[in-house]
Amino acid sequence: MSQSTILQLLPQTVYNNDGTSQPYDVTGNAQPAAAYYLGNQDLQTLSYKFTEVTGNLVIEGTLASTPVDNDWFQVTSISANNQANVNSNASAYQNITGNFTYMRAKIIDFNNGTVQFVKISY
């Protein structure tokens, strides 16, 4: 029997720029990745849903058992640009291979829209 784990890297996050606000960064909580519980498991599936988002989704991983700020490194990034309609209304997934103990999501230069969710499953 197969077991599946789905963890939320970033909950629903809304930003409505009124034209005077500056873009900002949002960092989700660290969640145990596949290697945390399953040892040599290295396949995770990232899924996300954006609505009119302008910003960059960055997924970070670590190999540390108790990570601190400088333990994190970028695993993948996805650009969303509402003006150019590039991934701004996306509902997508991608596989990530890596023996990570923890993973987290960041939205860098978040300037507009709603991040419905960012999840990792294994």
Protein backbone atom coordinates (compact mmCIF):
# COMPACT_ATOMS: atom_id res chain seq x y z
CA MET A 1 0.00 0.00 0.00
CA SER A 2 1.33 3.40 -1.00
CA GLN A 3 1.43 6.35 1.39
CA SER A 4 1.13 9.96 0.28
CA THR A 5 2.07 13.10 2.19
CA ILE A 6 0.94 16.58 1.14
CA LEU A 7 2.40 19.59 2.97
CA GLN A 8 1.56 23.24 2.51
CA LEU A 9 4.71 25.30 1.92
CA LEU A 10 2.83 28.59 1.59
CA PRO A 11 -0.82 29.21 2.52
CA GLN A 12 -3.15 31.52 0.62
CA THR A 13 -1.45 34.91 0.44
CA VAL A 14 -3.06 38.02 -1.04
CA TYR A 15 -1.44 41.28 -2.06
CA ASN A 16 -3.35 44.17 -3.61
CA ASN A 17 -0.92 46.87 -4.65
CA ASP A 18 -2.58 50.28 -4.55
CA GLY A 19 0.16 51.81 -6.68
CA THR A 20 2.04 53.30 -3.73
CA SER A 21 3.19 50.11 -2.02
CA GLN A 22 6.55 48.47 -2.62
CA PRO A 23 6.90 44.79 -3.54
CA TYR A 24 7.81 42.59 -0.60
CA ASP A 25 8.98 39.05 0.11
CA VAL A 26 6.93 36.32 1.82
CA THR A 27 8.59 33.22 3.29
CA GLY A 28 6.59 30.14 4.22
CA ASN A 29 7.36 27.79 7.08
CA ALA A 30 9.88 24.99 6.69
CA GLN A 31 8.23 21.61 6.12
CA PRO A 32 9.81 18.16 6.34
CA ALA A 33 10.69 16.95 2.84
CA ALA A 34 10.73 13.37 1.56
CA ALA A 35 14.20 12.53 2.94
CA TYR A 36 13.18 13.63 6.45
CA TYR A 37 10.86 10.66 6.97
CA LEU A 38 11.77 8.30 4.15
CA GLY A 39 15.58 8.39 4.23
CA ASN A 40 16.77 8.06 0.65
CA GLN A 41 13.50 9.22 -0.95
CA ASP A 42 14.34 12.00 -3.39
CA LEU A 43 11.22 12.70 -5.49
CA GLN A 44 8.84 15.47 -4.45
CA THR A 45 6.05 17.04 -6.49
CA LEU A 46 5.53 20.78 -6.23
CA SER A 47 2.05 22.13 -7.00
CA TYR A 48 0.94 25.75 -6.96
CA LYS A 49 -1.94 27.96 -7.98
CA PHE A 50 -1.66 31.69 -8.78
CA THR A 51 -4.32 34.28 -9.58
CA GLU A 52 -3.03 37.46 -11.25
CA VAL A 53 0.31 37.20 -9.44
CA THR A 54 3.29 39.40 -10.11
CA GLY A 55 6.37 38.05 -8.33
CA ASN A 56 8.73 35.10 -8.28
CA LEU A 57 8.11 31.77 -6.55
CA VAL A 58 11.34 30.34 -5.14
CA ILE A 59 11.52 26.86 -3.65
CA GLU A 60 14.37 26.29 -1.22
CA GLY A 61 15.73 23.10 0.28
CA THR A 62 18.19 22.14 2.97
CA LEU A 63 20.10 19.06 4.04
CA ALA A 64 20.33 20.21 7.67
CA SER A 65 18.38 18.44 10.41
CA THR A 66 17.77 21.75 12.24
CA PRO A 67 18.12 24.43 9.56
CA VAL A 68 19.12 28.03 10.20
CA ASP A 69 18.96 30.87 7.66
CA ASN A 70 22.26 30.16 5.89
CA ASP A 71 21.46 26.42 5.43
CA TRP A 72 18.88 27.09 2.69
CA PHE A 73 19.61 26.99 -1.05
CA GLN A 74 17.45 27.53 -4.11
CA VAL A 75 16.05 24.37 -5.69
CA THR A 76 13.85 25.94 -8.39
CA SER A 77 12.15 29.22 -9.25
CA ILE A 78 9.07 30.20 -11.24
CA SER A 79 8.47 33.71 -12.51
CA ALA A 80 4.95 35.14 -12.53
CA ASN A 81 4.28 38.41 -14.30
CA ASN A 82 0.68 39.59 -14.43
CA GLN A 83 1.48 42.30 -16.98
CA ALA A 84 2.98 39.82 -19.47
CA ASN A 85 0.53 37.06 -18.38
CA VAL A 86 3.45 34.70 -17.74
CA ASN A 87 2.35 32.12 -15.15
CA SER A 88 0.21 34.81 -13.51
CA ASN A 89 -2.93 32.64 -13.57
CA ALA A 90 -1.20 29.30 -13.30
CA SER A 91 -2.26 26.05 -11.75
CA ALA A 92 0.63 23.72 -12.32
CA TYR A 93 2.97 21.12 -10.88
CA GLN A 94 6.52 19.97 -11.39
CA ASN A 95 8.66 17.17 -10.02
CA ILE A 96 11.69 18.05 -7.93
CA THR A 97 14.43 15.53 -7.33
CA GLY A 98 16.71 15.95 -4.33
CA ASN A 99 17.45 14.32 -1.01
CA PHE A 100 16.20 17.33 1.04
CA THR A 101 15.34 17.15 4.72
CA TYR A 102 13.26 20.35 4.67
CA MET A 103 11.75 22.57 2.00
CA ARG A 104 10.11 25.98 2.03
CA ALA A 105 8.58 28.45 -0.44
CA LYS A 106 9.18 32.15 -0.91
CA ILE A 107 7.49 34.77 -3.04
CA ILE A 108 10.15 37.32 -3.97
CA ASP A 109 9.15 40.81 -5.17
CA PHE A 110 5.47 40.02 -4.54
CA ASN A 111 3.68 42.95 -6.14
CA ASN A 112 0.15 41.81 -6.93
CA GLY A 113 -2.35 38.96 -6.90
CA THR A 114 -3.23 35.90 -4.87
CA VAL A 115 -1.10 32.85 -4.25
CA GLN A 116 -3.84 30.27 -3.67
CA PHE A 117 -1.37 27.64 -2.43
CA VAL A 118 2.09 26.16 -2.79
CA LYS A 119 2.25 22.48 -1.78
CA ILE A 120 4.77 19.69 -1.83
CA SER A 121 3.83 16.01 -1.96
CA TYR A 122 5.75 12.76 -1.78
